[in-house]
Amino acid sequence: MGLGDFVNKAKEQLSGEKGEQLSDSALDKAAEFASQKTGGKYDEKITSVRDAIDERVGSEGATPATDPSTEQVNEPAEAKPRIDSDQQLN
């Protein structure tokens, strides 16, 4: 099983109802932890961030995210080959 297979399997798991429940639970726990550590001072911001993340993961995040400032789809960057110091650029 290659890395691509692992990534595809993870995407499949998150896209189902069980994956949505797991991601919601993890986000709720992270938000609660952050709220406790900040003494509730940033609860509104924490909730806002939690909700933004929730929109992008699981079945709710099945479509690519857009950058609201440009309304363009954010595509993942392509991996560039590593160039060692002893290699020359063409």
N, C-alpha and C. Protein backbone atom coordinates (compact mmCIF):
# COMPACT_ATOMS: atom_id res chain seq x y z
N MET A 1 0.86 -1.17 0.00
CA MET A 1 0.00 0.00 0.00
C MET A 1 0.90 1.23 0.00
N GLY A 2 0.76 2.04 -1.05
CA GLY A 2 1.55 3.25 -1.16
C GLY A 2 0.91 4.42 -0.43
N LEU A 3 1.61 5.52 -0.40
CA LEU A 3 1.12 6.72 0.27
C LEU A 3 -0.19 7.20 -0.36
N GLY A 4 -0.27 7.14 -1.68
CA GLY A 4 -1.49 7.55 -2.37
C GLY A 4 -2.69 6.71 -1.96
N ASP A 5 -2.47 5.41 -1.80
CA ASP A 5 -3.54 4.52 -1.36
C ASP A 5 -4.00 4.87 0.06
N PHE A 6 -3.04 5.19 0.91
CA PHE A 6 -3.35 5.57 2.29
C PHE A 6 -4.18 6.85 2.32
N VAL A 7 -3.78 7.83 1.51
CA VAL A 7 -4.50 9.11 1.46
C VAL A 7 -5.91 8.90 0.95
N ASN A 8 -6.07 8.11 -0.11
CA ASN A 8 -7.40 7.83 -0.65
C ASN A 8 -8.28 7.12 0.36
N LYS A 9 -7.71 6.18 1.10
CA LYS A 9 -8.48 5.47 2.11
C LYS A 9 -8.91 6.41 3.23
N ALA A 10 -8.02 7.31 3.63
CA ALA A 10 -8.36 8.29 4.67
C ALA A 10 -9.48 9.21 4.19
N LYS A 11 -9.43 9.64 2.94
CA LYS A 11 -10.49 10.48 2.39
C LYS A 11 -11.82 9.76 2.39
N GLU A 12 -11.80 8.48 2.01
CA GLU A 12 -13.03 7.69 2.01
C GLU A 12 -13.62 7.58 3.41
N GLN A 13 -12.75 7.34 4.39
CA GLN A 13 -13.21 7.20 5.76
C GLN A 13 -13.83 8.49 6.28
N LEU A 14 -13.22 9.63 5.95
CA LEU A 14 -13.74 10.91 6.42
C LEU A 14 -15.02 11.33 5.71
N SER A 15 -15.24 10.82 4.51
CA SER A 15 -16.40 11.25 3.75
C SER A 15 -17.69 10.58 4.20
N GLY A 16 -17.61 9.53 4.98
CA GLY A 16 -18.80 8.84 5.45
C GLY A 16 -19.36 9.47 6.71
N GLU A 17 -20.53 9.00 7.12
CA GLU A 17 -21.19 9.53 8.32
C GLU A 17 -20.34 9.30 9.57
N LYS A 18 -19.71 8.13 9.66
CA LYS A 18 -18.89 7.85 10.83
C LYS A 18 -17.68 8.80 10.86
N GLY A 19 -17.10 9.06 9.71
CA GLY A 19 -15.99 10.00 9.65
C GLY A 19 -16.40 11.39 10.05
N GLU A 20 -17.60 11.79 9.65
CA GLU A 20 -18.13 13.11 10.02
C GLU A 20 -18.30 13.20 11.54
N GLN A 21 -18.82 12.13 12.14
CA GLN A 21 -19.01 12.12 13.59
C GLN A 21 -17.66 12.19 14.31
N LEU A 22 -16.67 11.45 13.80
CA LEU A 22 -15.35 11.46 14.42
C LEU A 22 -14.68 12.83 14.31
N SER A 23 -14.79 13.45 13.13
CA SER A 23 -14.17 14.76 12.96
C SER A 23 -14.88 15.80 13.83
N ASP A 24 -16.20 15.72 13.92
CA ASP A 24 -16.94 16.65 14.79
C ASP A 24 -16.52 16.49 16.24
N SER A 25 -16.39 15.25 16.68
CA SER A 25 -15.98 14.98 18.05
C SER A 25 -14.57 15.53 18.34
N ALA A 26 -13.65 15.30 17.41
CA ALA A 26 -12.28 15.79 17.59
C ALA A 26 -12.25 17.31 17.61
N LEU A 27 -13.01 17.95 16.74
CA LEU A 27 -13.06 19.41 16.72
C LEU A 27 -13.67 19.97 17.99
N ASP A 28 -14.72 19.32 18.48
CA ASP A 28 -15.35 19.76 19.73
C ASP A 28 -14.37 19.67 20.90
N LYS A 29 -13.62 18.58 20.96
CA LYS A 29 -12.64 18.40 22.04
C LYS A 29 -11.51 19.43 21.94
N ALA A 30 -11.05 19.70 20.72
CA ALA A 30 -9.99 20.69 20.53
C ALA A 30 -10.48 22.08 20.91
N ALA A 31 -11.71 22.41 20.54
CA ALA A 31 -12.28 23.73 20.88
C ALA A 31 -12.44 23.86 22.39
N GLU A 32 -12.90 22.81 23.03
CA GLU A 32 -13.06 22.83 24.48
C GLU A 32 -11.71 22.99 25.18
N PHE A 33 -10.70 22.29 24.70
CA PHE A 33 -9.35 22.39 25.26
C PHE A 33 -8.82 23.82 25.12
N ALA A 34 -8.98 24.40 23.92
CA ALA A 34 -8.51 25.76 23.68
C ALA A 34 -9.25 26.76 24.58
N SER A 35 -10.54 26.56 24.74
CA SER A 35 -11.33 27.44 25.59
C SER A 35 -10.87 27.38 27.05
N GLN A 36 -10.60 26.17 27.52
CA GLN A 36 -10.13 26.00 28.90
C GLN A 36 -8.77 26.66 29.09
N LYS A 37 -7.88 26.50 28.12
CA LYS A 37 -6.52 27.05 28.23
C LYS A 37 -6.52 28.58 28.17
N THR A 38 -7.51 29.16 27.50
CA THR A 38 -7.57 30.62 27.39
C THR A 38 -8.57 31.23 28.37
N GLY A 39 -9.13 30.40 29.24
CA GLY A 39 -10.06 30.90 30.24
C GLY A 39 -11.35 31.45 29.64
N GLY A 40 -11.70 31.00 28.44
CA GLY A 40 -12.93 31.44 27.80
C GLY A 40 -12.82 32.80 27.14
N LYS A 41 -11.65 33.41 27.20
CA LYS A 41 -11.45 34.75 26.67
C LYS A 41 -11.67 34.82 25.15
N TYR A 42 -11.36 33.74 24.43
CA TYR A 42 -11.44 33.74 22.97
C TYR A 42 -12.48 32.76 22.44
N ASP A 43 -13.52 32.50 23.23
CA ASP A 43 -14.52 31.50 22.83
C ASP A 43 -15.16 31.80 21.48
N GLU A 44 -15.46 33.06 21.20
CA GLU A 44 -16.09 33.40 19.92
C GLU A 44 -15.17 33.07 18.75
N LYS A 45 -13.89 33.40 18.87
CA LYS A 45 -12.93 33.12 17.81
C LYS A 45 -12.70 31.62 17.69
N ILE A 46 -12.61 30.93 18.80
CA ILE A 46 -12.41 29.47 18.79
C ILE A 46 -13.57 28.79 18.08
N THR A 47 -14.79 29.20 18.38
CA THR A 47 -15.96 28.63 17.73
C THR A 47 -15.95 28.91 16.24
N SER A 48 -15.56 30.12 15.88
CA SER A 48 -15.49 30.49 14.46
C SER A 48 -14.49 29.62 13.71
N VAL A 49 -13.33 29.41 14.29
CA VAL A 49 -12.29 28.58 13.67
C VAL A 49 -12.75 27.13 13.60
N ARG A 50 -13.35 26.64 14.68
CA ARG A 50 -13.84 25.26 14.72
C ARG A 50 -14.85 25.02 13.61
N ASP A 51 -15.78 25.97 13.43
CA ASP A 51 -16.79 25.84 12.39
C ASP A 51 -16.19 25.90 10.98
N ALA A 52 -15.20 26.76 10.80
CA ALA A 52 -14.55 26.87 9.49
C ALA A 52 -13.84 25.57 9.13
N ILE A 53 -13.18 24.96 10.10
CA ILE A 53 -12.51 23.69 9.86
C ILE A 53 -13.53 22.60 9.56
N ASP A 54 -14.62 22.60 10.32
CA ASP A 54 -15.65 21.58 10.13
C ASP A 54 -16.24 21.64 8.73
N GLU A 55 -16.34 22.82 8.15
CA GLU A 55 -16.87 22.95 6.79
C GLU A 55 -15.94 22.32 5.75
N ARG A 56 -14.66 22.16 6.10
CA ARG A 56 -13.68 21.69 5.12
C ARG A 56 -13.27 20.23 5.29
N VAL A 57 -13.76 19.58 6.32
CA VAL A 57 -13.43 18.16 6.51
C VAL A 57 -14.70 17.33 6.51
N GLY A 58 -14.52 16.04 6.36
CA GLY A 58 -15.66 15.14 6.38
C GLY A 58 -16.53 15.30 5.16
N SER A 59 -17.76 14.87 5.24
CA SER A 59 -18.66 14.91 4.10
C SER A 59 -19.06 16.32 3.73
N GLU A 60 -19.00 17.25 4.68
CA GLU A 60 -19.33 18.64 4.39
C GLU A 60 -18.25 19.30 3.55
N GLY A 61 -17.04 18.79 3.60
CA GLY A 61 -15.94 19.39 2.86
C GLY A 61 -15.59 18.63 1.60
N ALA A 62 -16.55 17.99 0.97
CA ALA A 62 -16.27 17.15 -0.20
C ALA A 62 -15.87 17.95 -1.43
N THR A 63 -16.23 19.23 -1.48
CA THR A 63 -15.84 20.05 -2.62
C THR A 63 -14.60 20.85 -2.25
N PRO A 64 -13.76 21.21 -3.24
CA PRO A 64 -12.55 21.97 -2.93
C PRO A 64 -12.88 23.31 -2.28
N ALA A 65 -12.05 23.72 -1.34
CA ALA A 65 -12.23 25.00 -0.67
C ALA A 65 -11.92 26.14 -1.62
N THR A 66 -12.62 27.24 -1.45
CA THR A 66 -12.33 28.41 -2.26
C THR A 66 -11.76 29.51 -1.39
N ASP A 67 -10.94 30.34 -1.99
CA ASP A 67 -10.38 31.48 -1.30
C ASP A 67 -11.38 32.61 -1.47
N PRO A 68 -12.03 33.07 -0.38
CA PRO A 68 -13.07 34.07 -0.52
C PRO A 68 -12.57 35.39 -1.10
N SER A 69 -11.30 35.68 -0.98
CA SER A 69 -10.79 36.95 -1.51
C SER A 69 -10.68 36.91 -3.03
N THR A 70 -10.57 35.72 -3.62
CA THR A 70 -10.42 35.63 -5.07
C THR A 70 -11.50 34.76 -5.70
N GLU A 71 -12.25 34.02 -4.87
CA GLU A 71 -13.25 33.08 -5.36
C GLU A 71 -12.66 32.05 -6.32
N GLN A 72 -11.40 31.70 -6.12
CA GLN A 72 -10.76 30.68 -6.93
C GLN A 72 -10.60 29.42 -6.09
N VAL A 73 -10.63 28.29 -6.77
CA VAL A 73 -10.45 27.01 -6.09
C VAL A 73 -9.00 26.86 -5.72
N ASN A 74 -8.75 26.49 -4.47
CA ASN A 74 -7.38 26.25 -4.00
C ASN A 74 -6.99 24.82 -4.34
N GLU A 75 -6.14 24.66 -5.32
CA GLU A 75 -5.65 23.34 -5.71
C GLU A 75 -4.38 23.03 -4.93
N PRO A 76 -4.14 21.76 -4.60
CA PRO A 76 -2.91 21.42 -3.90
C PRO A 76 -1.70 21.70 -4.79
N ALA A 77 -0.63 22.15 -4.16
CA ALA A 77 0.60 22.44 -4.90
C ALA A 77 1.23 21.14 -5.37
N GLU A 78 1.83 21.19 -6.55
CA GLU A 78 2.51 20.01 -7.07
C GLU A 78 3.87 19.88 -6.38
N ALA A 79 4.25 18.65 -6.14
CA ALA A 79 5.55 18.41 -5.53
C ALA A 79 6.64 18.69 -6.56
N LYS A 80 7.67 19.41 -6.13
CA LYS A 80 8.78 19.71 -7.03
C LYS A 80 9.95 18.80 -6.67
N PRO A 81 10.69 18.36 -7.67
CA PRO A 81 11.82 17.48 -7.37
C PRO A 81 12.87 18.21 -6.54
N ARG A 82 13.47 17.48 -5.66
CA ARG A 82 14.50 18.03 -4.80
C ARG A 82 15.80 18.10 -5.59
N ILE A 83 16.50 19.20 -5.47
CA ILE A 83 17.76 19.38 -6.15
C ILE A 83 18.87 19.41 -5.10
N ASP A 84 19.78 18.46 -5.21
CA ASP A 84 20.91 18.44 -4.29
C ASP A 84 21.91 19.49 -4.70
N SER A 85 22.77 19.89 -3.78
CA SER A 85 23.73 20.96 -4.06
C SER A 85 24.72 20.59 -5.17
N ASP A 86 24.93 19.30 -5.42
CA ASP A 86 25.87 18.91 -6.46
C ASP A 86 25.20 18.77 -7.84
N GLN A 87 23.88 18.96 -7.90
CA GLN A 87 23.17 18.90 -9.18
C GLN A 87 23.11 20.29 -9.77
N GLN A 88 23.10 20.36 -11.10
CA GLN A 88 23.02 21.65 -11.78
C GLN A 88 21.61 21.87 -12.29
N LEU A 89 21.22 23.14 -12.32
CA LEU A 89 19.92 23.49 -12.86
C LEU A 89 20.05 23.64 -14.37
N ASN A 90 19.05 23.20 -15.10
CA ASN A 90 19.05 23.36 -16.58
C ASN A 90 18.41 24.67 -16.96
